[in-house]
């Protein structure tokens, strides 16, 4: 069975191509420290979640210093794996990009492949680190697609991480994706399994779910498959806080979505 990271890899001219699916590390860290027993259990659960993702075929792992203990826990799980098999990304925090990356690498116990930033002042430093081979790729992250669109125009980026506005119920970021195709910039999308999708909370979600069910497809399954319909999207990040959760999501990824679903007139009307 094909690994989720490599299923249906889109055809694109992107210079840098992260794997097809990744594990978002926001749920792997607890920002507030607890007692020693609680911390140990949280460590064990996070490592087990990363192990389950790896066993499911995921080879892209995203984290951040802002995610509590996520970097340390992710590193504990991945240090046992062959380094050439997976990609690790993190974010710049603070006004010292070089120092932020060094600190992230120390917590991970691993070199970082891809670094995302939000501050314009970070990009010249990250560009130097990319040219020096310290990192493999440079990216920008935001939930504001217009800000990412500006950065794609102004900065030589390899990748953008879009945390909102391109999923089944909201495709407002499509102009950004179109620009990324033209510039050869890969797009990583997160946040596609929204509460509206998971719990079918809105009228539009209920109508979309009804159409999907006619093709034997669940709404979360369609939501995971949808972003990569655009050729700019190379990767979808899935956040999970337990092995069972990531296994369930990986199972959804493996289930094929019939091409005729995407051509259904009612679905096209609802998506527009």
Protein backbone atom coordinates (compact mmCIF):
# COMPACT_ATOMS: atom_id res chain seq x y z
CA UNK A 1 0.00 0.00 0.00
CA UNK A 2 1.37 3.41 -0.95
CA UNK A 3 2.43 5.70 1.87
CA UNK A 4 0.18 8.75 2.42
CA UNK A 5 3.10 11.11 1.84
CA UNK A 6 3.47 9.90 -1.71
CA UNK A 7 -0.13 9.32 -2.80
CA UNK A 8 -1.30 11.30 -5.81
CA UNK A 9 1.69 13.63 -5.85
CA UNK A 10 0.59 16.63 -7.95
CA UNK A 11 2.37 17.67 -11.10
CA UNK A 12 3.92 21.07 -10.52
CA UNK A 13 6.92 23.18 -11.44
CA UNK A 14 7.71 23.98 -7.79
CA UNK A 15 11.46 24.11 -7.10
CA UNK A 16 11.03 22.59 -3.65
CA UNK A 17 8.53 19.78 -3.01
CA UNK A 18 7.73 18.68 0.54
CA UNK A 19 6.02 15.28 0.83
CA UNK A 20 2.35 14.97 0.00
CA UNK A 21 1.12 14.81 3.62
CA UNK A 22 2.72 15.93 6.86
CA UNK A 23 2.11 15.86 10.59
CA UNK A 24 1.54 19.30 12.09
CA UNK A 25 3.14 19.45 15.53
CA UNK A 26 0.87 22.01 17.20
CA UNK A 27 -0.86 19.31 19.28
CA UNK A 28 2.36 17.59 20.35
CA UNK A 29 3.36 20.20 22.94
CA UNK A 30 1.71 21.40 26.11
CA UNK A 31 2.42 25.15 26.55
CA UNK A 32 1.81 25.08 30.31
CA UNK A 33 4.02 22.72 32.35
CA UNK A 34 2.25 20.22 34.55
CA UNK A 35 3.49 17.83 37.22
CA UNK A 36 6.23 15.33 36.39
CA UNK A 37 3.83 12.43 35.88
CA UNK A 38 1.61 14.43 33.54
CA UNK A 39 4.63 15.65 31.57
CA UNK A 40 5.97 12.09 31.18
CA UNK A 41 2.60 10.86 29.93
CA UNK A 42 2.40 13.78 27.50
CA UNK A 43 5.92 12.97 26.28
CA UNK A 44 5.01 9.33 25.72
CA UNK A 45 1.77 10.19 23.93
CA UNK A 46 3.49 12.69 21.63
CA UNK A 47 6.27 10.23 20.73
CA UNK A 48 3.71 7.49 20.10
CA UNK A 49 1.77 9.87 17.82
CA UNK A 50 4.87 10.65 15.77
CA UNK A 51 5.73 6.94 15.61
CA UNK A 52 2.20 6.17 14.38
CA UNK A 53 2.50 8.88 11.72
CA UNK A 54 5.83 7.47 10.58
CA UNK A 55 4.43 3.95 10.43
CA UNK A 56 1.53 5.29 8.37
CA UNK A 57 4.00 6.58 5.79
CA UNK A 58 4.20 10.26 6.76
CA UNK A 59 7.66 11.73 6.18
CA UNK A 60 7.07 15.46 6.70
CA UNK A 61 6.94 16.88 10.23
CA UNK A 62 6.23 20.52 11.04
CA UNK A 63 6.78 22.17 14.41
CA UNK A 64 7.56 25.48 16.08
CA UNK A 65 9.16 26.87 19.26
CA UNK A 66 5.71 28.32 19.95
CA UNK A 67 4.22 24.81 20.32
CA UNK A 68 5.44 24.17 23.84
CA UNK A 69 7.46 20.94 24.04
CA UNK A 70 6.64 19.95 20.46
CA UNK A 71 10.19 20.31 19.09
CA UNK A 72 11.79 18.26 21.86
CA UNK A 73 9.17 15.52 21.65
CA UNK A 74 9.29 15.41 17.87
CA UNK A 75 13.07 15.11 17.98
CA UNK A 76 12.91 12.28 20.51
CA UNK A 77 10.72 10.30 18.13
CA UNK A 78 12.59 11.09 14.92
CA UNK A 79 16.17 10.66 16.14
CA UNK A 80 15.66 6.89 15.88
CA UNK A 81 14.79 7.16 12.19
CA UNK A 82 17.16 7.36 9.18
CA UNK A 83 17.72 11.10 8.74
CA UNK A 84 17.52 10.99 4.98
CA UNK A 85 13.98 9.62 5.02
CA UNK A 86 12.07 12.62 6.37
CA UNK A 87 11.76 16.41 6.26
CA UNK A 88 11.49 18.67 9.32
CA UNK A 89 10.23 22.24 9.28
CA UNK A 90 10.00 24.82 12.05
CA UNK A 91 9.36 28.55 12.45
CA UNK A 92 11.46 31.55 13.40
CA UNK A 93 10.47 33.03 16.75
CA UNK A 94 11.89 36.35 17.93
CA UNK A 95 14.17 38.87 16.29
CA UNK A 96 17.24 36.61 15.92
CA UNK A 97 16.52 34.14 13.10
CA UNK A 98 19.95 32.51 13.28
CA UNK A 99 19.65 31.99 17.03
CA UNK A 100 16.07 30.76 16.73
CA UNK A 101 17.09 28.07 14.24
CA UNK A 102 20.07 26.98 16.33
CA UNK A 103 17.85 26.68 19.41
CA UNK A 104 15.26 24.68 17.45
CA UNK A 105 17.94 22.31 16.16
CA UNK A 106 19.21 21.79 19.71
CA UNK A 107 15.73 20.99 21.00
CA UNK A 108 15.08 18.66 18.08
CA UNK A 109 18.52 17.08 18.15
CA UNK A 110 18.27 17.32 14.36
CA UNK A 111 19.15 19.72 11.58
CA UNK A 112 16.15 21.66 10.29
CA UNK A 113 15.34 21.35 6.57
CA UNK A 114 12.70 24.03 6.01
CA UNK A 115 12.23 27.24 8.01
CA UNK A 116 9.11 29.43 7.93
CA UNK A 117 9.11 33.08 9.01
CA UNK A 118 6.54 35.85 9.37
CA UNK A 119 8.80 38.87 9.86
CA UNK A 120 10.24 40.55 6.74
CA UNK A 121 13.50 41.19 8.61
CA UNK A 122 14.11 37.43 8.90
CA UNK A 123 14.25 36.66 5.19
CA UNK A 124 17.73 38.07 4.38
CA UNK A 125 19.20 36.01 7.23
CA UNK A 126 17.35 32.88 6.14
CA UNK A 127 18.43 33.44 2.54
CA UNK A 128 22.07 33.49 3.70
CA UNK A 129 21.56 30.29 5.69
CA UNK A 130 19.96 28.69 2.64
CA UNK A 131 22.90 29.71 0.42
CA UNK A 132 25.33 28.40 3.05
CA UNK A 133 23.52 25.06 3.16
CA UNK A 134 22.47 25.39 6.81
CA UNK A 135 18.84 24.99 5.75
CA UNK A 136 17.47 23.49 2.55
CA UNK A 137 14.52 25.80 2.00
CA UNK A 138 12.98 29.09 3.07
CA UNK A 139 9.28 29.69 3.56
CA UNK A 140 6.71 32.16 4.81
CA UNK A 141 3.75 31.36 7.05
CA UNK A 142 0.52 33.26 7.64
CA UNK A 143 -3.23 32.89 7.87
CA UNK A 144 -3.46 36.03 5.70
CA UNK A 145 -3.17 34.91 2.11
CA UNK A 146 -2.74 38.50 0.88
CA UNK A 147 0.37 38.87 3.02
CA UNK A 148 1.76 35.64 1.58
CA UNK A 149 0.92 36.87 -1.91
CA UNK A 150 2.99 39.99 -1.27
CA UNK A 151 5.90 37.93 0.00
CA UNK A 152 5.79 35.59 -3.00
CA UNK A 153 6.13 38.69 -5.20
CA UNK A 154 8.92 40.32 -3.14
CA UNK A 155 11.01 37.47 -1.65
CA UNK A 156 12.66 34.47 -3.29
CA UNK A 157 10.69 31.86 -1.36
CA UNK A 158 10.73 28.12 -1.83
CA UNK A 159 7.48 27.50 0.00
CA UNK A 160 4.54 29.09 1.80
CA UNK A 161 2.49 27.64 4.64
CA UNK A 162 -1.12 28.78 4.39
CA UNK A 163 -2.96 28.16 7.65
CA UNK A 164 -6.43 29.25 6.50
CA UNK A 165 -8.59 30.16 3.50
CA UNK A 166 -8.00 27.21 1.21
CA UNK A 167 -10.25 24.30 2.10
CA UNK A 168 -13.61 22.89 1.06
CA UNK A 169 -15.66 25.66 2.62
CA UNK A 170 -13.36 28.58 1.83
CA UNK A 171 -11.20 28.97 -1.30
CA UNK A 172 -10.56 32.69 -1.01
CA UNK A 173 -6.77 32.16 -1.19
CA UNK A 174 -6.90 30.84 -4.77
CA UNK A 175 -5.20 33.98 -6.22
CA UNK A 176 -2.18 33.24 -3.99
CA UNK A 177 -2.04 29.66 -5.25
CA UNK A 178 -2.19 30.81 -8.85
CA UNK A 179 0.72 33.17 -8.24
CA UNK A 180 2.71 30.40 -6.58
CA UNK A 181 2.32 28.23 -9.68
CA UNK A 182 3.67 31.06 -11.81
CA UNK A 183 6.62 31.62 -9.45
CA UNK A 184 7.47 27.95 -8.83
CA UNK A 185 6.69 28.25 -5.11
CA UNK A 186 5.25 25.21 -3.37
CA UNK A 187 2.25 25.60 -1.06
CA UNK A 188 1.70 23.72 2.18
CA UNK A 189 -1.87 23.94 3.48
CA UNK A 190 -3.01 23.30 7.04
CA UNK A 191 -6.30 23.58 8.89
CA UNK A 192 -8.40 21.71 6.32
CA UNK A 193 -10.19 19.55 8.93
CA UNK A 194 -12.12 22.45 10.39
CA UNK A 195 -14.84 22.00 13.04
CA UNK A 196 -17.42 22.68 10.33
CA UNK A 197 -16.03 19.76 8.31
CA UNK A 198 -15.55 17.38 11.22
CA UNK A 199 -18.92 18.08 12.81
CA UNK A 200 -20.89 19.14 9.69
CA UNK A 201 -21.93 22.29 11.51
CA UNK A 202 -23.17 24.55 8.70
CA UNK A 203 -25.79 24.35 5.98
CA UNK A 204 -23.09 24.37 3.30
CA UNK A 205 -21.19 21.57 5.07
CA UNK A 206 -24.35 19.47 5.33
CA UNK A 207 -25.08 19.95 1.64
CA UNK A 208 -21.50 19.10 0.68
CA UNK A 209 -21.60 16.04 2.92
CA UNK A 210 -24.79 14.83 1.24
CA UNK A 211 -23.18 15.09 -2.20
CA UNK A 212 -20.03 13.31 -1.03
CA UNK A 213 -22.02 10.49 0.54
CA UNK A 214 -23.60 9.70 -2.84
CA UNK A 215 -20.09 8.75 -3.99
CA UNK A 216 -19.20 6.83 -0.84
CA UNK A 217 -16.95 9.63 0.42
CA UNK A 218 -17.04 11.27 3.86
CA UNK A 219 -16.71 15.03 4.20
CA UNK A 220 -13.34 14.78 6.06
CA UNK A 221 -12.05 12.47 3.34
CA UNK A 222 -13.01 15.00 0.67
CA UNK A 223 -11.53 17.84 2.73
CA UNK A 224 -8.15 16.10 2.93
CA UNK A 225 -8.14 15.41 -0.80
CA UNK A 226 -9.42 18.78 -2.00
CA UNK A 227 -6.42 21.15 -1.59
CA UNK A 228 -4.10 19.15 -3.81
CA UNK A 229 -6.57 19.51 -6.67
CA UNK A 230 -4.72 22.81 -7.20
CA UNK A 231 -1.31 22.23 -8.76
CA UNK A 232 0.38 24.71 -6.40
CA UNK A 233 -0.40 22.61 -3.33
CA UNK A 234 2.34 20.07 -2.73
CA UNK A 235 1.49 19.19 0.87
CA UNK A 236 -1.32 19.07 3.42
CA UNK A 237 -0.52 19.16 7.14
CA UNK A 238 -2.66 17.12 9.52
CA UNK A 239 -2.60 17.97 13.24
CA UNK A 240 -3.06 15.03 15.61
CA UNK A 241 -2.74 14.53 19.35
CA UNK A 242 -2.88 10.73 19.55
CA UNK A 243 -1.84 7.64 17.55
CA UNK A 244 -5.50 6.76 16.95
CA UNK A 245 -6.18 10.20 15.48
CA UNK A 246 -3.30 10.14 13.01
CA UNK A 247 -4.07 6.53 12.01
CA UNK A 248 -7.68 7.49 11.31
CA UNK A 249 -6.59 10.46 9.19
CA UNK A 250 -4.04 8.33 7.31
CA UNK A 251 -6.79 5.80 6.60
CA UNK A 252 -8.91 8.59 5.10
CA UNK A 253 -5.99 9.62 2.90
CA UNK A 254 -5.62 6.09 1.55
CA UNK A 255 -9.24 5.85 0.50
CA UNK A 256 -9.55 7.01 -3.12
CA UNK A 257 -11.93 9.83 -3.95
CA UNK A 258 -13.72 9.16 -7.27
CA UNK A 259 -12.86 11.71 -9.91
CA UNK A 260 -16.53 11.99 -10.83
CA UNK A 261 -17.24 13.53 -7.40
CA UNK A 262 -15.19 16.61 -8.32
CA UNK A 263 -17.22 16.96 -11.53
CA UNK A 264 -20.61 16.71 -9.83
CA UNK A 265 -22.62 19.83 -10.80
CA UNK A 266 -24.06 20.29 -7.31
CA UNK A 267 -20.62 20.00 -5.70
CA UNK A 268 -19.18 22.54 -8.14
CA UNK A 269 -22.02 24.92 -7.38
CA UNK A 270 -21.50 24.55 -3.62
CA UNK A 271 -17.74 25.06 -3.92
CA UNK A 272 -18.22 28.20 -5.98
